[in-house]
Amino acid sequence: MTKRLDEVMLDEWLDEHGPYEVCMMRYCIDGMLKATEQLAYNAHYEAFAVHARLLVDFLTGRQKKDDVKATVFCESYRPPKREHLNKALEKLDHQVFHPTAKRTLSRTDKVELDDCIAISEWIELALKQFLTALSSTKYAGKWDSAKARDDLIVRMIRVSPATLSASSADPQSFTTGIIAENVYKIKGTP
């Protein structure tokens, strides 16, 4: 592969592939929150796992030899700490990606919606830091935010169990203390 082709591929990642992954992660978490049937929730959950794992790997630099990572675009980028997510990410690995004996039937040992929301919130924070670092590089302006669908950013409002049980936000008991609102961002606001 020539250096020029590498640059073209990197530009394509910022213009198309990266924003697509973010869009899909956002769409899937939104779908999980709106699901009224278990199979719909499961389909969005599994798709979320795929896109979230890819983004975590990209943003943390965990990759195989030929994978793209955030520091390829800006060496100054450092991801936020994610130790609080390690257990959820490990459980996600066992639940979705590997036919392991560690897969569980116990709901308390599974990755729940709360965990997915925490992973999503970490990705959004890390992405914001990445894009800030990217803005002072030769790649500034190449990330296509429109393709990342900022309109799908979901704000989570933590509520007490009493409030949740009094609402109809949880038709199939998939959620655990979360109500979501879509937040339509005004261009240029964090």
N, C-alpha and C. Protein backbone atom coordinates (compact mmCIF):
# COMPACT_ATOMS: atom_id res chain seq x y z
N MET A 1 0.84 -1.18 0.00
CA MET A 1 0.00 0.00 0.00
C MET A 1 0.89 1.25 0.00
N THR A 2 0.58 2.18 -0.85
CA THR A 2 1.38 3.40 -0.91
C THR A 2 0.95 4.38 0.18
N LYS A 3 1.82 5.33 0.48
CA LYS A 3 1.49 6.35 1.47
C LYS A 3 0.25 7.12 1.03
N ARG A 4 0.16 7.45 -0.25
CA ARG A 4 -0.99 8.19 -0.77
C ARG A 4 -2.29 7.42 -0.55
N LEU A 5 -2.27 6.11 -0.84
CA LEU A 5 -3.45 5.30 -0.65
C LEU A 5 -3.82 5.26 0.83
N ASP A 6 -2.81 5.18 1.71
CA ASP A 6 -3.09 5.22 3.14
C ASP A 6 -3.82 6.50 3.52
N GLU A 7 -3.38 7.63 2.99
CA GLU A 7 -4.03 8.91 3.29
C GLU A 7 -5.46 8.94 2.76
N VAL A 8 -5.66 8.39 1.58
CA VAL A 8 -7.01 8.32 1.02
C VAL A 8 -7.89 7.47 1.91
N MET A 9 -7.38 6.36 2.37
CA MET A 9 -8.15 5.48 3.24
C MET A 9 -8.48 6.17 4.57
N LEU A 10 -7.53 6.91 5.11
CA LEU A 10 -7.76 7.63 6.36
C LEU A 10 -8.82 8.71 6.17
N ASP A 11 -8.72 9.43 5.05
CA ASP A 11 -9.75 10.43 4.74
C ASP A 11 -11.13 9.79 4.63
N GLU A 12 -11.19 8.63 3.98
CA GLU A 12 -12.46 7.93 3.84
C GLU A 12 -12.99 7.49 5.20
N TRP A 13 -12.09 7.12 6.11
CA TRP A 13 -12.53 6.69 7.43
C TRP A 13 -13.20 7.85 8.16
N LEU A 14 -12.60 9.04 8.05
CA LEU A 14 -13.17 10.21 8.72
C LEU A 14 -14.46 10.68 8.04
N ASP A 15 -14.51 10.58 6.73
CA ASP A 15 -15.67 11.07 5.99
C ASP A 15 -16.84 10.08 6.03
N GLU A 16 -16.56 8.79 6.02
CA GLU A 16 -17.62 7.80 5.86
C GLU A 16 -17.68 6.78 6.99
N HIS A 17 -16.62 6.01 7.16
CA HIS A 17 -16.66 4.84 8.03
C HIS A 17 -16.84 5.20 9.52
N GLY A 18 -16.06 6.14 10.02
CA GLY A 18 -16.18 6.55 11.42
C GLY A 18 -17.56 7.11 11.74
N PRO A 19 -18.02 8.11 10.96
CA PRO A 19 -19.37 8.64 11.21
C PRO A 19 -20.46 7.57 11.11
N TYR A 20 -20.30 6.62 10.19
CA TYR A 20 -21.28 5.52 10.07
C TYR A 20 -21.35 4.72 11.37
N GLU A 21 -20.19 4.38 11.92
CA GLU A 21 -20.16 3.60 13.16
C GLU A 21 -20.84 4.36 14.30
N VAL A 22 -20.58 5.66 14.39
CA VAL A 22 -21.21 6.48 15.42
C VAL A 22 -22.72 6.55 15.20
N CYS A 23 -23.12 6.77 13.97
CA CYS A 23 -24.55 6.82 13.64
C CYS A 23 -25.24 5.52 14.03
N MET A 24 -24.65 4.40 13.70
CA MET A 24 -25.26 3.11 14.02
C MET A 24 -25.32 2.87 15.52
N MET A 25 -24.27 3.24 16.24
CA MET A 25 -24.29 3.09 17.69
C MET A 25 -25.43 3.92 18.28
N ARG A 26 -25.57 5.16 17.82
CA ARG A 26 -26.64 6.04 18.30
C ARG A 26 -28.02 5.49 17.93
N TYR A 27 -28.16 5.03 16.71
CA TYR A 27 -29.44 4.49 16.24
C TYR A 27 -29.83 3.27 17.07
N CYS A 28 -28.86 2.42 17.36
CA CYS A 28 -29.15 1.20 18.11
C CYS A 28 -29.53 1.48 19.55
N ILE A 29 -28.85 2.40 20.21
CA ILE A 29 -29.23 2.72 21.60
C ILE A 29 -30.61 3.35 21.61
N ASP A 30 -30.90 4.19 20.62
CA ASP A 30 -32.23 4.77 20.49
C ASP A 30 -33.27 3.67 20.29
N GLY A 31 -32.95 2.69 19.45
CA GLY A 31 -33.86 1.58 19.21
C GLY A 31 -34.08 0.73 20.45
N MET A 32 -33.04 0.53 21.25
CA MET A 32 -33.18 -0.22 22.49
C MET A 32 -34.14 0.50 23.43
N LEU A 33 -34.01 1.80 23.50
CA LEU A 33 -34.86 2.60 24.39
C LEU A 33 -36.32 2.61 23.95
N LYS A 34 -36.56 2.50 22.65
CA LYS A 34 -37.92 2.57 22.12
C LYS A 34 -38.56 1.20 21.90
N ALA A 35 -37.79 0.13 22.04
CA ALA A 35 -38.29 -1.21 21.73
C ALA A 35 -39.48 -1.57 22.62
N THR A 36 -40.49 -2.15 22.00
CA THR A 36 -41.66 -2.60 22.75
C THR A 36 -41.79 -4.12 22.71
N GLU A 37 -40.90 -4.79 21.99
CA GLU A 37 -40.88 -6.24 21.94
C GLU A 37 -39.47 -6.72 22.25
N GLN A 38 -39.36 -7.85 22.90
CA GLN A 38 -38.06 -8.38 23.30
C GLN A 38 -37.14 -8.62 22.10
N LEU A 39 -37.67 -9.18 21.00
CA LEU A 39 -36.82 -9.46 19.83
C LEU A 39 -36.27 -8.17 19.21
N ALA A 40 -37.08 -7.13 19.17
CA ALA A 40 -36.61 -5.84 18.64
C ALA A 40 -35.50 -5.29 19.54
N TYR A 41 -35.71 -5.39 20.84
CA TYR A 41 -34.68 -4.94 21.79
C TYR A 41 -33.39 -5.73 21.56
N ASN A 42 -33.51 -7.06 21.47
CA ASN A 42 -32.33 -7.91 21.29
C ASN A 42 -31.58 -7.58 20.01
N ALA A 43 -32.30 -7.35 18.92
CA ALA A 43 -31.65 -7.01 17.65
C ALA A 43 -30.89 -5.70 17.76
N HIS A 44 -31.50 -4.69 18.38
CA HIS A 44 -30.80 -3.41 18.57
C HIS A 44 -29.63 -3.57 19.53
N TYR A 45 -29.80 -4.39 20.55
CA TYR A 45 -28.74 -4.63 21.53
C TYR A 45 -27.51 -5.25 20.86
N GLU A 46 -27.73 -6.29 20.07
CA GLU A 46 -26.60 -6.96 19.43
C GLU A 46 -25.91 -6.05 18.42
N ALA A 47 -26.68 -5.28 17.67
CA ALA A 47 -26.07 -4.33 16.72
C ALA A 47 -25.32 -3.24 17.49
N PHE A 48 -25.89 -2.77 18.60
CA PHE A 48 -25.20 -1.79 19.43
C PHE A 48 -23.85 -2.35 19.88
N ALA A 49 -23.83 -3.60 20.31
CA ALA A 49 -22.59 -4.21 20.80
C ALA A 49 -21.50 -4.18 19.73
N VAL A 50 -21.87 -4.48 18.50
CA VAL A 50 -20.89 -4.50 17.40
C VAL A 50 -20.29 -3.11 17.18
N HIS A 51 -21.15 -2.11 17.05
CA HIS A 51 -20.67 -0.76 16.75
C HIS A 51 -19.98 -0.12 17.94
N ALA A 52 -20.48 -0.37 19.13
CA ALA A 52 -19.84 0.18 20.34
C ALA A 52 -18.45 -0.42 20.53
N ARG A 53 -18.33 -1.72 20.34
CA ARG A 53 -17.01 -2.36 20.51
C ARG A 53 -16.02 -1.80 19.50
N LEU A 54 -16.44 -1.64 18.26
CA LEU A 54 -15.56 -1.08 17.25
C LEU A 54 -15.11 0.33 17.65
N LEU A 55 -16.05 1.15 18.13
CA LEU A 55 -15.71 2.52 18.52
C LEU A 55 -14.81 2.57 19.76
N VAL A 56 -15.07 1.70 20.72
CA VAL A 56 -14.19 1.65 21.90
C VAL A 56 -12.78 1.26 21.46
N ASP A 57 -12.67 0.26 20.59
CA ASP A 57 -11.36 -0.15 20.09
C ASP A 57 -10.67 1.00 19.35
N PHE A 58 -11.40 1.69 18.50
CA PHE A 58 -10.85 2.83 17.76
C PHE A 58 -10.38 3.93 18.71
N LEU A 59 -11.22 4.28 19.66
CA LEU A 59 -10.92 5.41 20.56
C LEU A 59 -9.87 5.09 21.61
N THR A 60 -9.68 3.81 21.94
CA THR A 60 -8.68 3.45 22.95
C THR A 60 -7.39 2.93 22.34
N GLY A 61 -7.40 2.68 21.03
CA GLY A 61 -6.19 2.19 20.38
C GLY A 61 -6.02 0.69 20.46
N ARG A 62 -7.02 -0.01 20.99
CA ARG A 62 -6.96 -1.47 21.03
C ARG A 62 -7.32 -1.97 19.64
N GLN A 63 -6.35 -2.53 18.97
CA GLN A 63 -6.62 -2.93 17.60
C GLN A 63 -5.66 -4.00 17.13
N LYS A 64 -5.99 -4.54 15.99
CA LYS A 64 -5.09 -5.45 15.30
C LYS A 64 -4.15 -4.60 14.45
N LYS A 65 -3.20 -5.23 13.86
CA LYS A 65 -2.14 -4.54 13.12
C LYS A 65 -2.65 -3.55 12.07
N ASP A 66 -3.69 -3.90 11.32
CA ASP A 66 -4.14 -3.05 10.22
C ASP A 66 -5.37 -2.21 10.55
N ASP A 67 -5.79 -2.18 11.80
CA ASP A 67 -6.95 -1.40 12.19
C ASP A 67 -6.61 0.08 12.32
N VAL A 68 -7.60 0.91 12.09
CA VAL A 68 -7.44 2.35 12.26
C VAL A 68 -7.70 2.68 13.72
N LYS A 69 -6.90 3.58 14.27
CA LYS A 69 -7.11 4.03 15.65
C LYS A 69 -7.03 5.54 15.70
N ALA A 70 -7.63 6.12 16.71
CA ALA A 70 -7.75 7.57 16.81
C ALA A 70 -6.40 8.28 16.78
N THR A 71 -5.39 7.70 17.42
CA THR A 71 -4.09 8.38 17.47
C THR A 71 -3.36 8.41 16.13
N VAL A 72 -3.85 7.67 15.15
CA VAL A 72 -3.28 7.77 13.79
C VAL A 72 -3.57 9.17 13.24
N PHE A 73 -4.71 9.73 13.60
CA PHE A 73 -5.13 11.04 13.11
C PHE A 73 -4.58 12.19 13.96
N CYS A 74 -4.44 11.97 15.24
CA CYS A 74 -3.91 13.02 16.12
C CYS A 74 -3.23 12.37 17.32
N GLU A 75 -1.92 12.44 17.32
CA GLU A 75 -1.13 11.81 18.37
C GLU A 75 -1.42 12.38 19.75
N SER A 76 -1.91 13.60 19.82
CA SER A 76 -2.17 14.24 21.12
C SER A 76 -3.45 13.72 21.79
N TYR A 77 -4.29 13.02 21.06
CA TYR A 77 -5.54 12.53 21.62
C TYR A 77 -5.28 11.47 22.70
N ARG A 78 -5.97 11.62 23.81
CA ARG A 78 -5.95 10.63 24.89
C ARG A 78 -7.39 10.35 25.29
N PRO A 79 -7.78 9.09 25.30
CA PRO A 79 -9.17 8.78 25.67
C PRO A 79 -9.41 9.02 27.16
N PRO A 80 -10.66 9.30 27.51
CA PRO A 80 -10.99 9.42 28.94
C PRO A 80 -10.84 8.05 29.61
N LYS A 81 -10.70 8.07 30.90
CA LYS A 81 -10.60 6.81 31.65
C LYS A 81 -11.88 6.01 31.47
N ARG A 82 -11.71 4.69 31.39
CA ARG A 82 -12.88 3.84 31.18
C ARG A 82 -12.89 2.62 32.09
N GLU A 83 -12.14 2.67 33.16
CA GLU A 83 -12.06 1.52 34.06
C GLU A 83 -13.45 1.09 34.53
N HIS A 84 -14.34 2.05 34.74
CA HIS A 84 -15.70 1.75 35.20
C HIS A 84 -16.49 0.94 34.18
N LEU A 85 -15.99 0.85 32.94
CA LEU A 85 -16.69 0.11 31.89
C LEU A 85 -16.09 -1.27 31.63
N ASN A 86 -14.93 -1.54 32.21
CA ASN A 86 -14.23 -2.78 31.88
C ASN A 86 -15.08 -4.02 32.10
N LYS A 87 -15.79 -4.09 33.22
CA LYS A 87 -16.62 -5.26 33.50
C LYS A 87 -17.74 -5.40 32.48
N ALA A 88 -18.41 -4.29 32.16
CA ALA A 88 -19.50 -4.34 31.18
C ALA A 88 -18.96 -4.74 29.80
N LEU A 89 -17.81 -4.21 29.41
CA LEU A 89 -17.24 -4.56 28.11
C LEU A 89 -16.84 -6.04 28.06
N GLU A 90 -16.32 -6.55 29.16
CA GLU A 90 -15.96 -7.96 29.22
C GLU A 90 -17.21 -8.83 29.14
N LYS A 91 -18.26 -8.45 29.86
CA LYS A 91 -19.52 -9.20 29.80
C LYS A 91 -20.12 -9.14 28.39
N LEU A 92 -20.02 -7.98 27.74
CA LEU A 92 -20.51 -7.84 26.38
C LEU A 92 -19.78 -8.80 25.45
N ASP A 93 -18.48 -8.91 25.65
CA ASP A 93 -17.66 -9.84 24.88
C ASP A 93 -18.19 -11.26 25.02
N HIS A 94 -18.51 -11.66 26.24
CA HIS A 94 -18.99 -13.02 26.50
C HIS A 94 -20.41 -13.22 25.98
N GLN A 95 -21.24 -12.20 26.08
CA GLN A 95 -22.64 -12.33 25.68
C GLN A 95 -22.85 -12.32 24.18
N VAL A 96 -22.04 -11.54 23.46
CA VAL A 96 -22.34 -11.31 22.04
C VAL A 96 -21.29 -11.89 21.10
N PHE A 97 -20.02 -11.78 21.44
CA PHE A 97 -18.99 -12.04 20.44
C PHE A 97 -18.35 -13.42 20.48
N HIS A 98 -18.49 -14.14 21.57
CA HIS A 98 -17.80 -15.43 21.68
C HIS A 98 -18.73 -16.50 22.23
N PRO A 99 -18.66 -17.70 21.67
CA PRO A 99 -19.45 -18.81 22.21
C PRO A 99 -18.75 -19.40 23.44
N THR A 100 -18.73 -18.64 24.49
CA THR A 100 -17.96 -18.99 25.67
C THR A 100 -18.81 -19.68 26.74
N ALA A 101 -18.16 -20.46 27.57
CA ALA A 101 -18.83 -21.08 28.71
C ALA A 101 -19.18 -20.03 29.77
N LYS A 102 -18.65 -18.83 29.64
CA LYS A 102 -18.93 -17.75 30.60
C LYS A 102 -20.23 -17.02 30.28
N ARG A 103 -20.90 -17.42 29.21
CA ARG A 103 -22.20 -16.82 28.90
C ARG A 103 -23.19 -17.24 29.98
N THR A 104 -24.01 -16.33 30.41
CA THR A 104 -24.85 -16.59 31.58
C THR A 104 -26.34 -16.47 31.27
N LEU A 105 -27.14 -17.11 32.07
CA LEU A 105 -28.58 -16.96 32.00
C LEU A 105 -29.07 -15.97 33.05
N SER A 106 -28.21 -15.68 34.02
CA SER A 106 -28.56 -14.78 35.11
C SER A 106 -28.63 -13.34 34.64
N ARG A 107 -29.80 -12.73 34.78
CA ARG A 107 -30.00 -11.34 34.33
C ARG A 107 -29.02 -10.39 35.01
N THR A 108 -28.70 -10.66 36.27
CA THR A 108 -27.80 -9.76 37.01
C THR A 108 -26.37 -9.85 36.49
N ASP A 109 -26.03 -10.92 35.79
CA ASP A 109 -24.69 -11.06 35.24
C ASP A 109 -24.61 -10.64 33.77
N LYS A 110 -25.75 -10.24 33.21
CA LYS A 110 -25.77 -9.82 31.80
C LYS A 110 -25.55 -8.31 31.69
N VAL A 111 -25.18 -7.90 30.50
CA VAL A 111 -25.08 -6.47 30.21
C VAL A 111 -26.50 -5.95 30.06
N GLU A 112 -26.85 -4.98 30.87
CA GLU A 112 -28.19 -4.40 30.87
C GLU A 112 -28.19 -3.08 30.11
N LEU A 113 -29.34 -2.52 29.94
CA LEU A 113 -29.48 -1.24 29.25
C LEU A 113 -28.64 -0.16 29.94
N ASP A 114 -28.61 -0.16 31.27
CA ASP A 114 -27.78 0.82 32.01
C ASP A 114 -26.33 0.75 31.55
N ASP A 115 -25.82 -0.48 31.39
CA ASP A 115 -24.43 -0.67 30.96
C ASP A 115 -24.22 -0.13 29.54
N CYS A 116 -25.18 -0.40 28.66
CA CYS A 116 -25.08 0.08 27.28
C CYS A 116 -25.10 1.60 27.24
N ILE A 117 -25.93 2.19 28.08
CA ILE A 117 -25.99 3.65 28.15
C ILE A 117 -24.66 4.21 28.65
N ALA A 118 -24.08 3.59 29.67
CA ALA A 118 -22.78 4.05 30.18
C ALA A 118 -21.70 3.93 29.11
N ILE A 119 -21.70 2.85 28.35
CA ILE A 119 -20.74 2.68 27.25
C ILE A 119 -20.96 3.77 26.21
N SER A 120 -22.21 4.00 25.85
CA SER A 120 -22.56 5.02 24.87
C SER A 120 -22.13 6.41 25.34
N GLU A 121 -22.37 6.71 26.61
CA GLU A 121 -21.97 8.02 27.15
C GLU A 121 -20.45 8.18 27.12
N TRP A 122 -19.72 7.10 27.42
CA TRP A 122 -18.25 7.17 27.36
C TRP A 122 -17.80 7.40 25.92
N ILE A 123 -18.41 6.70 24.98
CA ILE A 123 -18.04 6.88 23.57
C ILE A 123 -18.29 8.32 23.14
N GLU A 124 -19.43 8.89 23.52
CA GLU A 124 -19.74 10.28 23.16
C GLU A 124 -18.69 11.24 23.74
N LEU A 125 -18.29 11.02 24.99
CA LEU A 125 -17.27 11.87 25.61
C LEU A 125 -15.92 11.71 24.90
N ALA A 126 -15.53 10.47 24.66
CA ALA A 126 -14.26 10.20 23.98
C ALA A 126 -14.28 10.77 22.56
N LEU A 127 -15.40 10.64 21.88
CA LEU A 127 -15.53 11.19 20.53
C LEU A 127 -15.38 12.71 20.53
N LYS A 128 -16.01 13.35 21.49
CA LYS A 128 -15.89 14.81 21.61
C LYS A 128 -14.42 15.21 21.81
N GLN A 129 -13.71 14.48 22.66
CA GLN A 129 -12.29 14.77 22.89
C GLN A 129 -11.47 14.50 21.64
N PHE A 130 -11.80 13.42 20.93
CA PHE A 130 -11.10 13.10 19.69
C PHE A 130 -11.31 14.20 18.65
N LEU A 131 -12.54 14.63 18.47
CA LEU A 131 -12.83 15.66 17.46
C LEU A 131 -12.19 16.99 17.83
N THR A 132 -12.09 17.29 19.12
CA THR A 132 -11.39 18.50 19.56
C THR A 132 -9.91 18.40 19.21
N ALA A 133 -9.31 17.26 19.49
CA ALA A 133 -7.89 17.07 19.14
C ALA A 133 -7.70 17.07 17.63
N LEU A 134 -8.63 16.50 16.90
CA LEU A 134 -8.56 16.43 15.44
C LEU A 134 -8.59 17.82 14.81
N SER A 135 -9.26 18.76 15.46
CA SER A 135 -9.46 20.10 14.89
C SER A 135 -8.15 20.88 14.72
N SER A 136 -7.08 20.43 15.36
CA SER A 136 -5.80 21.14 15.20
C SER A 136 -4.81 20.31 14.38
N THR A 137 -5.32 19.43 13.54
CA THR A 137 -4.47 18.60 12.68
C THR A 137 -4.79 18.85 11.21
N LYS A 138 -4.05 18.18 10.36
CA LYS A 138 -4.33 18.29 8.92
C LYS A 138 -5.66 17.65 8.55
N TYR A 139 -6.23 16.90 9.49
CA TYR A 139 -7.53 16.26 9.25
C TYR A 139 -8.70 17.11 9.72
N ALA A 140 -8.43 18.31 10.18
CA ALA A 140 -9.50 19.21 10.66
C ALA A 140 -10.57 19.36 9.58
N GLY A 141 -11.82 19.25 9.98
CA GLY A 141 -12.94 19.44 9.06
C GLY A 141 -13.29 18.24 8.22
N LYS A 142 -12.54 17.14 8.35
CA LYS A 142 -12.81 15.98 7.51
C LYS A 142 -13.82 15.01 8.12
N TRP A 143 -14.09 15.13 9.42
CA TRP A 143 -15.11 14.29 10.06
C TRP A 143 -16.48 14.79 9.62
N ASP A 144 -17.30 13.91 9.10
CA ASP A 144 -18.62 14.31 8.60
C ASP A 144 -19.67 14.10 9.69
N SER A 145 -19.93 15.14 10.47
CA SER A 145 -20.88 15.05 11.57
C SER A 145 -22.30 14.77 11.10
N ALA A 146 -22.64 15.22 9.90
CA ALA A 146 -24.00 14.96 9.39
C ALA A 146 -24.23 13.46 9.24
N LYS A 147 -23.22 12.74 8.81
CA LYS A 147 -23.35 11.29 8.66
C LYS A 147 -23.38 10.58 10.01
N ALA A 148 -22.83 11.21 11.04
CA ALA A 148 -22.84 10.62 12.38
C ALA A 148 -24.19 10.81 13.05
N ARG A 149 -25.06 11.61 12.45
CA ARG A 149 -26.42 11.82 12.94
C ARG A 149 -26.46 12.33 14.38
N ASP A 150 -25.96 13.54 14.57
CA ASP A 150 -26.00 14.16 15.90
C ASP A 150 -27.42 14.27 16.43
N ASP A 151 -28.41 14.24 15.54
CA ASP A 151 -29.80 14.32 16.01
C ASP A 151 -30.23 13.07 16.78
N LEU A 152 -29.42 12.01 16.72
CA LEU A 152 -29.75 10.79 17.44
C LEU A 152 -29.10 10.72 18.82
N ILE A 153 -28.37 11.77 19.21
CA ILE A 153 -27.77 11.76 20.54
C ILE A 153 -28.90 11.72 21.55
N VAL A 154 -28.79 10.81 22.46
CA VAL A 154 -29.83 10.61 23.45
C VAL A 154 -29.32 11.08 24.81
N ARG A 155 -30.12 11.89 25.48
CA ARG A 155 -29.79 12.32 26.84
C ARG A 155 -30.51 11.40 27.80
N MET A 156 -29.79 10.89 28.74
CA MET A 156 -30.39 9.99 29.72
C MET A 156 -30.74 10.78 30.97
N ILE A 157 -31.91 10.52 31.47
CA ILE A 157 -32.36 11.13 32.71
C ILE A 157 -32.54 10.00 33.72
N ARG A 158 -31.75 9.99 34.75
CA ARG A 158 -31.85 8.94 35.78
C ARG A 158 -33.05 9.28 36.67
N VAL A 159 -33.85 8.29 36.93
CA VAL A 159 -35.03 8.51 37.75
C VAL A 159 -35.10 7.45 38.84
N SER A 160 -35.89 7.72 39.85
CA SER A 160 -36.06 6.76 40.94
C SER A 160 -36.95 5.62 40.46
N PRO A 161 -36.83 4.43 41.05
CA PRO A 161 -37.70 3.32 40.66
C PRO A 161 -39.19 3.65 40.82
N ALA A 162 -39.55 4.46 41.82
CA ALA A 162 -40.96 4.83 42.02
C ALA A 162 -41.47 5.64 40.84
N THR A 163 -40.65 6.57 40.34
CA THR A 163 -41.04 7.38 39.18
C THR A 163 -41.21 6.50 37.96
N LEU A 164 -40.27 5.56 37.78
CA LEU A 164 -40.31 4.68 36.62
C LEU A 164 -41.54 3.79 36.65
N SER A 165 -41.86 3.22 37.81
CA SER A 165 -43.01 2.33 37.87
C SER A 165 -44.32 3.08 37.64
N ALA A 166 -44.31 4.38 37.88
CA ALA A 166 -45.51 5.19 37.67
C ALA A 166 -45.64 5.64 36.22
N SER A 167 -44.60 5.37 35.41
CA SER A 167 -44.63 5.82 34.01
C SER A 167 -44.86 4.62 33.11
N SER A 168 -45.12 4.89 31.85
CA SER A 168 -45.27 3.81 30.88
C SER A 168 -44.02 3.72 30.01
N ALA A 169 -42.90 4.25 30.48
CA ALA A 169 -41.67 4.25 29.69
C ALA A 169 -41.04 2.87 29.60
N ASP A 170 -41.53 1.92 30.33
CA ASP A 170 -40.90 0.61 30.40
C ASP A 170 -41.90 -0.51 30.12
N PRO A 171 -42.44 -0.58 28.88
CA PRO A 171 -43.53 -1.50 28.60
C PRO A 171 -43.19 -2.98 28.78
N GLN A 172 -41.99 -3.37 28.54
CA GLN A 172 -41.62 -4.79 28.64
C GLN A 172 -40.61 -5.04 29.75
N SER A 173 -40.41 -4.09 30.64
CA SER A 173 -39.45 -4.22 31.74
C SER A 173 -38.03 -4.45 31.25
N PHE A 174 -37.67 -3.85 30.13
CA PHE A 174 -36.29 -3.99 29.65
C PHE A 174 -35.37 -2.99 30.36
N THR A 175 -35.90 -1.83 30.67
CA THR A 175 -35.05 -0.77 31.19
C THR A 175 -34.94 -0.86 32.69
N THR A 176 -33.92 -0.21 33.22
CA THR A 176 -33.69 -0.25 34.66
C THR A 176 -33.44 1.16 35.16
N GLY A 177 -34.50 1.91 35.33
CA GLY A 177 -34.37 3.23 35.91
C GLY A 177 -33.93 4.32 34.96
N ILE A 178 -34.27 4.22 33.69
CA ILE A 178 -33.84 5.21 32.70
C ILE A 178 -35.05 5.67 31.90
N ILE A 179 -35.15 6.96 31.70
CA ILE A 179 -36.09 7.50 30.72
C ILE A 179 -35.23 8.30 29.75
N ALA A 180 -35.51 8.20 28.48
CA ALA A 180 -34.68 8.89 27.49
C ALA A 180 -35.47 9.96 26.78
N GLU A 181 -34.78 11.00 26.41
CA GLU A 181 -35.34 12.04 25.56
C GLU A 181 -34.38 12.25 24.41
N ASN A 182 -34.89 12.36 23.20
CA ASN A 182 -34.02 12.73 22.10
C ASN A 182 -33.66 14.19 22.25
N VAL A 183 -32.42 14.49 22.02
CA VAL A 183 -31.95 15.87 22.11
C VAL A 183 -31.48 16.26 20.72
N TYR A 184 -32.14 17.21 20.12
CA TYR A 184 -31.74 17.67 18.80
C TYR A 184 -30.77 18.81 18.99
N LYS A 185 -29.52 18.53 18.67
CA LYS A 185 -28.47 19.51 18.92
C LYS A 185 -28.55 20.66 17.93
N ILE A 186 -28.27 21.84 18.44
CA ILE A 186 -28.12 23.00 17.58
C ILE A 186 -26.67 23.01 17.13
N LYS A 187 -26.46 23.18 15.85
CA LYS A 187 -25.10 23.13 15.30
C LYS A 187 -24.17 24.04 16.09
N GLY A 188 -23.04 23.49 16.48
CA GLY A 188 -22.03 24.25 17.20
C GLY A 188 -22.15 24.17 18.72
N THR A 189 -23.19 23.51 19.24
CA THR A 189 -23.30 23.40 20.69
C THR A 189 -22.77 22.04 21.13
N PRO A 190 -22.22 21.97 22.32
CA PRO A 190 -21.65 20.68 22.79
C PRO A 190 -22.74 19.69 23.13
